[in-house]
Amino acid sequence: KSKNNDIGIKYLKIGEIMSFSFKTNFWGTTEFWCDVYKGPDYKRFRGFTVYQASGLFIRDGSSYNWLGRDDEIYFHKNSLPSYYKFYWK
């Protein structure tokens, strides 16, 4: 979700990938955030910013990848290795 776009609620199966693309706005203020729930009762939760533009006229063009596992949430950009980013609450 962002200030101007809401891609809606998505339910993913184990191993399923969700993907979407967007363009950073002219002013470089684009930001997307995500609320992630897990488990059969959806009681494990984590909300976080998944993308934040880095400034005026900057067009990153990178691939931002988030992976939710049983233990933690991991992140990697482009083809770099994944690393721990958040614990589940």
PDB file of N, CA and C in Angstrom:
ATOM      1  N   LYS A   1       0.850  -1.167   0.000  1.00  0.00           N
ATOM      2  CA  LYS A   1       0.000   0.000   0.000  1.00  0.00           C
ATOM      3  C   LYS A   1       0.898   1.234   0.000  1.00  0.00           C
ATOM      4  N   SER A   2       0.425   2.265  -0.642  1.00  0.00           N
ATOM      5  CA  SER A   2       1.105   3.556  -0.597  1.00  0.00           C
ATOM      6  C   SER A   2       0.033   4.626  -0.417  1.00  0.00           C
ATOM      7  N   LYS A   3       0.458   5.856  -0.378  1.00  0.00           N
ATOM      8  CA  LYS A   3      -0.496   6.958  -0.241  1.00  0.00           C
ATOM      9  C   LYS A   3      -1.484   6.973  -1.416  1.00  0.00           C
ATOM     10  N   ASN A   4      -1.007   6.637  -2.606  1.00  0.00           N
ATOM     11  CA  ASN A   4      -1.834   6.724  -3.806  1.00  0.00           C
ATOM     12  C   ASN A   4      -2.288   5.386  -4.382  1.00  0.00           C
ATOM     13  N   ASN A   5      -1.724   4.286  -3.916  1.00  0.00           N
ATOM     14  CA  ASN A   5      -2.045   2.967  -4.477  1.00  0.00           C
ATOM     15  C   ASN A   5      -2.296   1.953  -3.373  1.00  0.00           C
ATOM     16  N   ASP A   6      -3.328   1.159  -3.570  1.00  0.00           N
ATOM     17  CA  ASP A   6      -3.609   0.059  -2.650  1.00  0.00           C
ATOM     18  C   ASP A   6      -3.797  -1.183  -3.510  1.00  0.00           C
ATOM     19  N   ILE A   7      -2.847  -2.111  -3.440  1.00  0.00           N
ATOM     20  CA  ILE A   7      -2.942  -3.310  -4.278  1.00  0.00           C
ATOM     21  C   ILE A   7      -3.838  -4.374  -3.656  1.00  0.00           C
ATOM     22  N   GLY A   8      -4.377  -4.080  -2.483  1.00  0.00           N
ATOM     23  CA  GLY A   8      -5.341  -4.975  -1.860  1.00  0.00           C
ATOM     24  C   GLY A   8      -4.701  -6.080  -1.045  1.00  0.00           C
ATOM     25  N   ILE A   9      -5.557  -6.875  -0.449  1.00  0.00           N
ATOM     26  CA  ILE A   9      -5.115  -7.996   0.382  1.00  0.00           C
ATOM     27  C   ILE A   9      -4.805  -9.184  -0.518  1.00  0.00           C
ATOM     28  N   LYS A  10      -3.681  -9.818  -0.276  1.00  0.00           N
ATOM     29  CA  LYS A  10      -3.272 -11.001  -1.029  1.00  0.00           C
ATOM     30  C   LYS A  10      -3.011 -12.134  -0.051  1.00  0.00           C
ATOM     31  N   TYR A  11      -3.567 -13.296  -0.313  1.00  0.00           N
ATOM     32  CA  TYR A  11      -3.317 -14.490   0.481  1.00  0.00           C
ATOM     33  C   TYR A  11      -2.374 -15.379  -0.307  1.00  0.00           C
ATOM     34  N   LEU A  12      -1.206 -15.660   0.266  1.00  0.00           N
ATOM     35  CA  LEU A  12      -0.202 -16.471  -0.416  1.00  0.00           C
ATOM     36  C   LEU A  12      -0.096 -17.840   0.229  1.00  0.00           C
ATOM     37  N   LYS A  13       0.053 -18.835  -0.596  1.00  0.00           N
ATOM     38  CA  LYS A  13       0.308 -20.188  -0.111  1.00  0.00           C
ATOM     39  C   LYS A  13       1.800 -20.321   0.169  1.00  0.00           C
ATOM     40  N   ILE A  14       2.184 -21.348   0.887  1.00  0.00           N
ATOM     41  CA  ILE A  14       3.594 -21.593   1.176  1.00  0.00           C
ATOM     42  C   ILE A  14       4.354 -21.699  -0.140  1.00  0.00           C
ATOM     43  N   GLY A  15       5.418 -20.921  -0.268  1.00  0.00           N
ATOM     44  CA  GLY A  15       6.242 -20.938  -1.464  1.00  0.00           C
ATOM     45  C   GLY A  15       5.736 -20.039  -2.581  1.00  0.00           C
ATOM     46  N   GLU A  16       4.548 -19.470  -2.436  1.00  0.00           N
ATOM     47  CA  GLU A  16       3.993 -18.607  -3.483  1.00  0.00           C
ATOM     48  C   GLU A  16       4.636 -17.230  -3.416  1.00  0.00           C
ATOM     49  N   ILE A  17       4.809 -16.620  -4.569  1.00  0.00           N
ATOM     50  CA  ILE A  17       5.447 -15.310  -4.673  1.00  0.00           C
ATOM     51  C   ILE A  17       4.436 -14.286  -5.169  1.00  0.00           C
ATOM     52  N   MET A  18       4.441 -13.119  -4.546  1.00  0.00           N
ATOM     53  CA  MET A  18       3.623 -12.016  -5.017  1.00  0.00           C
ATOM     54  C   MET A  18       4.555 -10.952  -5.567  1.00  0.00           C
ATOM     55  N   SER A  19       4.223 -10.413  -6.697  1.00  0.00           N
ATOM     56  CA  SER A  19       5.092  -9.447  -7.344  1.00  0.00           C
ATOM     57  C   SER A  19       4.255  -8.307  -7.903  1.00  0.00           C
ATOM     58  N   PHE A  20       4.780  -7.103  -7.837  1.00  0.00           N
ATOM     59  CA  PHE A  20       4.137  -5.967  -8.487  1.00  0.00           C
ATOM     60  C   PHE A  20       5.208  -4.944  -8.815  1.00  0.00           C
ATOM     61  N   SER A  21       4.898  -4.054  -9.726  1.00  0.00           N
ATOM     62  CA  SER A  21       5.869  -3.020 -10.094  1.00  0.00           C
ATOM     63  C   SER A  21       5.190  -1.658 -10.039  1.00  0.00           C
ATOM     64  N   PHE A  22       6.009  -0.635  -9.973  1.00  0.00           N
ATOM     65  CA  PHE A  22       5.520   0.742  -9.895  1.00  0.00           C
ATOM     66  C   PHE A  22       6.652   1.662 -10.309  1.00  0.00           C
ATOM     67  N   LYS A  23       6.342   2.912 -10.494  1.00  0.00           N
ATOM     68  CA  LYS A  23       7.354   3.914 -10.809  1.00  0.00           C
ATOM     69  C   LYS A  23       7.412   4.931  -9.679  1.00  0.00           C
ATOM     70  N   THR A  24       8.614   5.337  -9.330  1.00  0.00           N
ATOM     71  CA  THR A  24       8.803   6.375  -8.326  1.00  0.00           C
ATOM     72  C   THR A  24       8.270   7.687  -8.878  1.00  0.00           C
ATOM     73  N   ASN A  25       7.568   8.451  -8.039  1.00  0.00           N
ATOM     74  CA  ASN A  25       6.994   9.704  -8.523  1.00  0.00           C
ATOM     75  C   ASN A  25       8.079  10.754  -8.802  1.00  0.00           C
ATOM     76  N   PHE A  26       7.705  11.800  -9.474  1.00  0.00           N
ATOM     77  CA  PHE A  26       8.619  12.866  -9.907  1.00  0.00           C
ATOM     78  C   PHE A  26       9.387  13.479  -8.741  1.00  0.00           C
ATOM     79  N   TRP A  27       8.728  13.622  -7.587  1.00  0.00           N
ATOM     80  CA  TRP A  27       9.330  14.290  -6.441  1.00  0.00           C
ATOM     81  C   TRP A  27      10.205  13.378  -5.596  1.00  0.00           C
ATOM     82  N   GLY A  28      10.211  12.090  -5.883  1.00  0.00           N
ATOM     83  CA  GLY A  28      11.036  11.152  -5.121  1.00  0.00           C
ATOM     84  C   GLY A  28      10.505  10.889  -3.733  1.00  0.00           C
ATOM     85  N   THR A  29       9.177  10.929  -3.576  1.00  0.00           N
ATOM     86  CA  THR A  29       8.572  10.711  -2.260  1.00  0.00           C
ATOM     87  C   THR A  29       7.780   9.405  -2.189  1.00  0.00           C
ATOM     88  N   THR A  30       7.911   8.568  -3.183  1.00  0.00           N
ATOM     89  CA  THR A  30       7.168   7.308  -3.212  1.00  0.00           C
ATOM     90  C   THR A  30       7.574   6.421  -2.045  1.00  0.00           C
ATOM     91  N   GLU A  31       6.571   5.861  -1.390  1.00  0.00           N
ATOM     92  CA  GLU A  31       6.802   4.953  -0.270  1.00  0.00           C
ATOM     93  C   GLU A  31       5.712   3.889  -0.299  1.00  0.00           C
ATOM     94  N   PHE A  32       6.099   2.639  -0.120  1.00  0.00           N
ATOM     95  CA  PHE A  32       5.163   1.528  -0.004  1.00  0.00           C
ATOM     96  C   PHE A  32       5.390   0.845   1.327  1.00  0.00           C
ATOM     97  N   TRP A  33       4.316   0.421   1.973  1.00  0.00           N
ATOM     98  CA  TRP A  33       4.419  -0.319   3.212  1.00  0.00           C
ATOM     99  C   TRP A  33       3.551  -1.555   3.127  1.00  0.00           C
ATOM    100  N   CYS A  34       3.788  -2.459   4.047  1.00  0.00           N
ATOM    101  CA  CYS A  34       3.139  -3.762   3.991  1.00  0.00           C
ATOM    102  C   CYS A  34       2.835  -4.250   5.400  1.00  0.00           C
ATOM    103  N   ASP A  35       1.685  -4.847   5.566  1.00  0.00           N
ATOM    104  CA  ASP A  35       1.342  -5.553   6.791  1.00  0.00           C
ATOM    105  C   ASP A  35       1.308  -7.033   6.447  1.00  0.00           C
ATOM    106  N   VAL A  36       2.094  -7.835   7.154  1.00  0.00           N
ATOM    107  CA  VAL A  36       2.199  -9.264   6.867  1.00  0.00           C
ATOM    108  C   VAL A  36       1.724 -10.047   8.093  1.00  0.00           C
ATOM    109  N   TYR A  37       0.850 -11.007   7.855  1.00  0.00           N
ATOM    110  CA  TYR A  37       0.338 -11.878   8.904  1.00  0.00           C
ATOM    111  C   TYR A  37       0.693 -13.312   8.547  1.00  0.00           C
ATOM    112  N   LYS A  38       0.890 -14.154   9.550  1.00  0.00           N
ATOM    113  CA  LYS A  38       1.190 -15.554   9.262  1.00  0.00           C
ATOM    114  C   LYS A  38       0.532 -16.473  10.271  1.00  0.00           C
ATOM    115  N   GLY A  39       0.442 -17.717   9.888  1.00  0.00           N
ATOM    116  CA  GLY A  39      -0.136 -18.724  10.749  1.00  0.00           C
ATOM    117  C   GLY A  39      -1.601 -18.945  10.451  1.00  0.00           C
ATOM    118  N   PRO A  40      -2.131 -20.074  10.921  1.00  0.00           N
ATOM    119  CA  PRO A  40      -3.523 -20.408  10.623  1.00  0.00           C
ATOM    120  C   PRO A  40      -4.521 -19.422  11.239  1.00  0.00           C
ATOM    121  N   ASP A  41      -4.110 -18.739  12.300  1.00  0.00           N
ATOM    122  CA  ASP A  41      -5.004 -17.780  12.949  1.00  0.00           C
ATOM    123  C   ASP A  41      -4.605 -16.331  12.661  1.00  0.00           C
ATOM    124  N   TYR A  42      -3.573 -16.126  11.847  1.00  0.00           N
ATOM    125  CA  TYR A  42      -3.075 -14.795  11.450  1.00  0.00           C
ATOM    126  C   TYR A  42      -2.704 -13.919  12.646  1.00  0.00           C
ATOM    127  N   LYS A  43      -2.254 -14.530  13.730  1.00  0.00           N
ATOM    128  CA  LYS A  43      -1.903 -13.759  14.924  1.00  0.00           C
ATOM    129  C   LYS A  43      -0.477 -13.233  14.891  1.00  0.00           C
ATOM    130  N   ARG A  44       0.394 -13.841  14.087  1.00  0.00           N
ATOM    131  CA  ARG A  44       1.765 -13.329  13.969  1.00  0.00           C
ATOM    132  C   ARG A  44       1.732 -12.206  12.953  1.00  0.00           C
ATOM    133  N   PHE A  45       2.259 -11.056  13.305  1.00  0.00           N
ATOM    134  CA  PHE A  45       2.107  -9.865  12.484  1.00  0.00           C
ATOM    135  C   PHE A  45       3.400  -9.066  12.429  1.00  0.00           C
ATOM    136  N   ARG A  46       3.598  -8.403  11.310  1.00  0.00           N
ATOM    137  CA  ARG A  46       4.687  -7.437  11.199  1.00  0.00           C
ATOM    138  C   ARG A  46       4.290  -6.409  10.144  1.00  0.00           C
ATOM    139  N   GLY A  47       4.381  -5.148  10.459  1.00  0.00           N
ATOM    140  CA  GLY A  47       4.153  -4.055   9.513  1.00  0.00           C
ATOM    141  C   GLY A  47       5.472  -3.336   9.288  1.00  0.00           C
ATOM    142  N   PHE A  48       5.773  -2.991   8.043  1.00  0.00           N
ATOM    143  CA  PHE A  48       7.042  -2.330   7.759  1.00  0.00           C
ATOM    144  C   PHE A  48       7.005  -1.625   6.407  1.00  0.00           C
ATOM    145  N   THR A  49       7.939  -0.706   6.206  1.00  0.00           N
ATOM    146  CA  THR A  49       8.096  -0.012   4.933  1.00  0.00           C
ATOM    147  C   THR A  49       8.890  -0.920   4.010  1.00  0.00           C
ATOM    148  N   VAL A  50       8.350  -1.219   2.830  1.00  0.00           N
ATOM    149  CA  VAL A  50       9.035  -2.106   1.899  1.00  0.00           C
ATOM    150  C   VAL A  50       9.827  -1.348   0.843  1.00  0.00           C
ATOM    151  N   TYR A  51       9.483  -0.077   0.632  1.00  0.00           N
ATOM    152  CA  TYR A  51      10.232   0.738  -0.326  1.00  0.00           C
ATOM    153  C   TYR A  51      10.058   2.200   0.047  1.00  0.00           C
ATOM    154  N   GLN A  52      11.157   2.941   0.007  1.00  0.00           N
ATOM    155  CA  GLN A  52      11.108   4.381   0.202  1.00  0.00           C
ATOM    156  C   GLN A  52      12.083   5.015  -0.773  1.00  0.00           C
ATOM    157  N   ALA A  53      11.564   5.914  -1.618  1.00  0.00           N
ATOM    158  CA  ALA A  53      12.409   6.573  -2.616  1.00  0.00           C
ATOM    159  C   ALA A  53      13.530   7.333  -1.924  1.00  0.00           C
ATOM    160  N   SER A  54      14.638   7.499  -2.638  1.00  0.00           N
ATOM    161  CA  SER A  54      15.803   8.121  -2.016  1.00  0.00           C
ATOM    162  C   SER A  54      16.058   9.552  -2.454  1.00  0.00           C
ATOM    163  N   GLY A  55      15.120  10.177  -3.153  1.00  0.00           N
ATOM    164  CA  GLY A  55      15.311  11.588  -3.454  1.00  0.00           C
ATOM    165  C   GLY A  55      14.776  12.025  -4.804  1.00  0.00           C
ATOM    166  N   LEU A  56      14.821  13.300  -5.022  1.00  0.00           N
ATOM    167  CA  LEU A  56      14.311  13.948  -6.220  1.00  0.00           C
ATOM    168  C   LEU A  56      15.015  13.441  -7.475  1.00  0.00           C
ATOM    169  N   PHE A  57      14.240  13.080  -8.469  1.00  0.00           N
ATOM    170  CA  PHE A  57      14.714  12.664  -9.796  1.00  0.00           C
ATOM    171  C   PHE A  57      15.491  11.351  -9.812  1.00  0.00           C
ATOM    172  N   ILE A  58      15.528  10.617  -8.717  1.00  0.00           N
ATOM    173  CA  ILE A  58      16.271   9.361  -8.685  1.00  0.00           C
ATOM    174  C   ILE A  58      15.342   8.225  -9.096  1.00  0.00           C
ATOM    175  N   ARG A  59      15.751   7.473 -10.094  1.00  0.00           N
ATOM    176  CA  ARG A  59      14.988   6.320 -10.558  1.00  0.00           C
ATOM    177  C   ARG A  59      15.838   5.085 -10.323  1.00  0.00           C
ATOM    178  N   ASP A  60      15.507   4.344  -9.301  1.00  0.00           N
ATOM    179  CA  ASP A  60      16.337   3.231  -8.847  1.00  0.00           C
ATOM    180  C   ASP A  60      16.331   2.073  -9.833  1.00  0.00           C
ATOM    181  N   GLY A  61      15.162   1.558 -10.205  1.00  0.00           N
ATOM    182  CA  GLY A  61      15.072   0.441 -11.132  1.00  0.00           C
ATOM    183  C   GLY A  61      15.475  -0.902 -10.542  1.00  0.00           C
ATOM    184  N   SER A  62      15.652  -0.953  -9.238  1.00  0.00           N
ATOM    185  CA  SER A  62      16.070  -2.193  -8.578  1.00  0.00           C
ATOM    186  C   SER A  62      14.886  -3.094  -8.295  1.00  0.00           C
ATOM    187  N   SER A  63      15.200  -4.332  -7.993  1.00  0.00           N
ATOM    188  CA  SER A  63      14.217  -5.313  -7.572  1.00  0.00           C
ATOM    189  C   SER A  63      14.350  -5.487  -6.064  1.00  0.00           C
ATOM    190  N   TYR A  64      13.280  -5.196  -5.329  1.00  0.00           N
ATOM    191  CA  TYR A  64      13.265  -5.333  -3.874  1.00  0.00           C
ATOM    192  C   TYR A  64      12.512  -6.606  -3.533  1.00  0.00           C
ATOM    193  N   ASN A  65      13.132  -7.497  -2.788  1.00  0.00           N
ATOM    194  CA  ASN A  65      12.566  -8.812  -2.528  1.00  0.00           C
ATOM    195  C   ASN A  65      12.469  -9.078  -1.032  1.00  0.00           C
ATOM    196  N   TRP A  66      11.280  -9.486  -0.601  1.00  0.00           N
ATOM    197  CA  TRP A  66      11.013  -9.793   0.797  1.00  0.00           C
ATOM    198  C   TRP A  66      10.586 -11.244   0.896  1.00  0.00           C
ATOM    199  N   LEU A  67      11.087 -11.932   1.909  1.00  0.00           N
ATOM    200  CA  LEU A  67      10.780 -13.340   2.090  1.00  0.00           C
ATOM    201  C   LEU A  67      10.361 -13.579   3.542  1.00  0.00           C
ATOM    202  N   GLY A  68       9.129 -14.048   3.736  1.00  0.00           N
ATOM    203  CA  GLY A  68       8.655 -14.386   5.073  1.00  0.00           C
ATOM    204  C   GLY A  68       8.889 -15.865   5.329  1.00  0.00           C
ATOM    205  N   ARG A  69       9.639 -16.165   6.362  1.00  0.00           N
ATOM    206  CA  ARG A  69       9.878 -17.550   6.777  1.00  0.00           C
ATOM    207  C   ARG A  69       9.289 -17.743   8.164  1.00  0.00           C
ATOM    208  N   ASP A  70       9.306 -18.975   8.647  1.00  0.00           N
ATOM    209  CA  ASP A  70       8.748 -19.233   9.972  1.00  0.00           C
ATOM    210  C   ASP A  70       9.435 -18.417  11.059  1.00  0.00           C
ATOM    211  N   ASP A  71      10.745 -18.227  10.946  1.00  0.00           N
ATOM    212  CA  ASP A  71      11.490 -17.568  12.009  1.00  0.00           C
ATOM    213  C   ASP A  71      11.556 -16.049  11.874  1.00  0.00           C
ATOM    214  N   GLU A  72      11.725 -15.539  10.661  1.00  0.00           N
ATOM    215  CA  GLU A  72      11.992 -14.111  10.463  1.00  0.00           C
ATOM    216  C   GLU A  72      11.525 -13.668   9.088  1.00  0.00           C
ATOM    217  N   ILE A  73      11.675 -12.376   8.815  1.00  0.00           N
ATOM    218  CA  ILE A  73      11.420 -11.813   7.500  1.00  0.00           C
ATOM    219  C   ILE A  73      12.767 -11.351   6.948  1.00  0.00           C
ATOM    220  N   TYR A  74      13.061 -11.770   5.722  1.00  0.00           N
ATOM    221  CA  TYR A  74      14.347 -11.479   5.088  1.00  0.00           C
ATOM    222  C   TYR A  74      14.159 -10.547   3.898  1.00  0.00           C
ATOM    223  N   PHE A  75      15.236  -9.866   3.527  1.00  0.00           N
ATOM    224  CA  PHE A  75      15.218  -8.916   2.420  1.00  0.00           C
ATOM    225  C   PHE A  75      16.444  -9.131   1.534  1.00  0.00           C
ATOM    226  N   HIS A  76      16.277  -8.938   0.233  1.00  0.00           N
ATOM    227  CA  HIS A  76      17.435  -8.795  -0.649  1.00  0.00           C
ATOM    228  C   HIS A  76      17.068  -7.898  -1.822  1.00  0.00           C
ATOM    229  N   LYS A  77      18.058  -7.193  -2.302  1.00  0.00           N
ATOM    230  CA  LYS A  77      17.899  -6.256  -3.405  1.00  0.00           C
ATOM    231  C   LYS A  77      18.659  -6.806  -4.600  1.00  0.00           C
ATOM    232  N   ASN A  78      17.973  -6.861  -5.731  1.00  0.00           N
ATOM    233  CA  ASN A  78      18.543  -7.413  -6.956  1.00  0.00           C
ATOM    234  C   ASN A  78      19.041  -8.835  -6.703  1.00  0.00           C
ATOM    235  N   SER A  79      20.264  -9.142  -7.055  1.00  0.00           N
ATOM    236  CA  SER A  79      20.756 -10.509  -6.878  1.00  0.00           C
ATOM    237  C   SER A  79      21.685 -10.655  -5.662  1.00  0.00           C
ATOM    238  N   LEU A  80      21.683  -9.670  -4.770  1.00  0.00           N
ATOM    239  CA  LEU A  80      22.513  -9.747  -3.570  1.00  0.00           C
ATOM    240  C   LEU A  80      21.945 -10.795  -2.609  1.00  0.00           C
ATOM    241  N   PRO A  81      22.760 -11.325  -1.700  1.00  0.00           N
ATOM    242  CA  PRO A  81      22.273 -12.336  -0.754  1.00  0.00           C
ATOM    243  C   PRO A  81      21.186 -11.774   0.178  1.00  0.00           C
ATOM    244  N   SER A  82      20.285 -12.652   0.604  1.00  0.00           N
ATOM    245  CA  SER A  82      19.244 -12.271   1.568  1.00  0.00           C
ATOM    246  C   SER A  82      19.856 -12.086   2.946  1.00  0.00           C
ATOM    247  N   TYR A  83      19.258 -11.201   3.733  1.00  0.00           N
ATOM    248  CA  TYR A  83      19.679 -11.044   5.115  1.00  0.00           C
ATOM    249  C   TYR A  83      18.462 -10.769   5.991  1.00  0.00           C
ATOM    250  N   TYR A  84      18.600 -11.096   7.280  1.00  0.00           N
ATOM    251  CA  TYR A  84      17.529 -10.889   8.252  1.00  0.00           C
ATOM    252  C   TYR A  84      17.169  -9.411   8.296  1.00  0.00           C
ATOM    253  N   LYS A  85      15.878  -9.133   8.345  1.00  0.00           N
ATOM    254  CA  LYS A  85      15.425  -7.752   8.467  1.00  0.00           C
ATOM    255  C   LYS A  85      14.510  -7.548   9.686  1.00  0.00           C
ATOM    256  N   PHE A  86      13.558  -8.464   9.909  1.00  0.00           N
ATOM    257  CA  PHE A  86      12.607  -8.317  11.013  1.00  0.00           C
ATOM    258  C   PHE A  86      12.263  -9.670  11.628  1.00  0.00           C
ATOM    259  N   TYR A  87      12.033  -9.675  12.930  1.00  0.00           N
ATOM    260  CA  TYR A  87      11.424 -10.814  13.600  1.00  0.00           C
ATOM    261  C   TYR A  87       9.912 -10.654  13.511  1.00  0.00           C
ATOM    262  N   TRP A  88       9.197 -11.759  13.571  1.00  0.00           N
ATOM    263  CA  TRP A  88       7.745 -11.701  13.705  1.00  0.00           C
ATOM    264  C   TRP A  88       7.424 -11.184  15.093  1.00  0.00           C
ATOM    265  N   LYS A  89       6.329 -10.463  15.237  1.00  0.00           N
ATOM    266  CA  LYS A  89       5.905  -9.987  16.568  1.00  0.00           C
ATOM    267  C   LYS A  89       5.001 -11.013  17.186  1.00  0.00           C
TER     268      LYS A  89
END
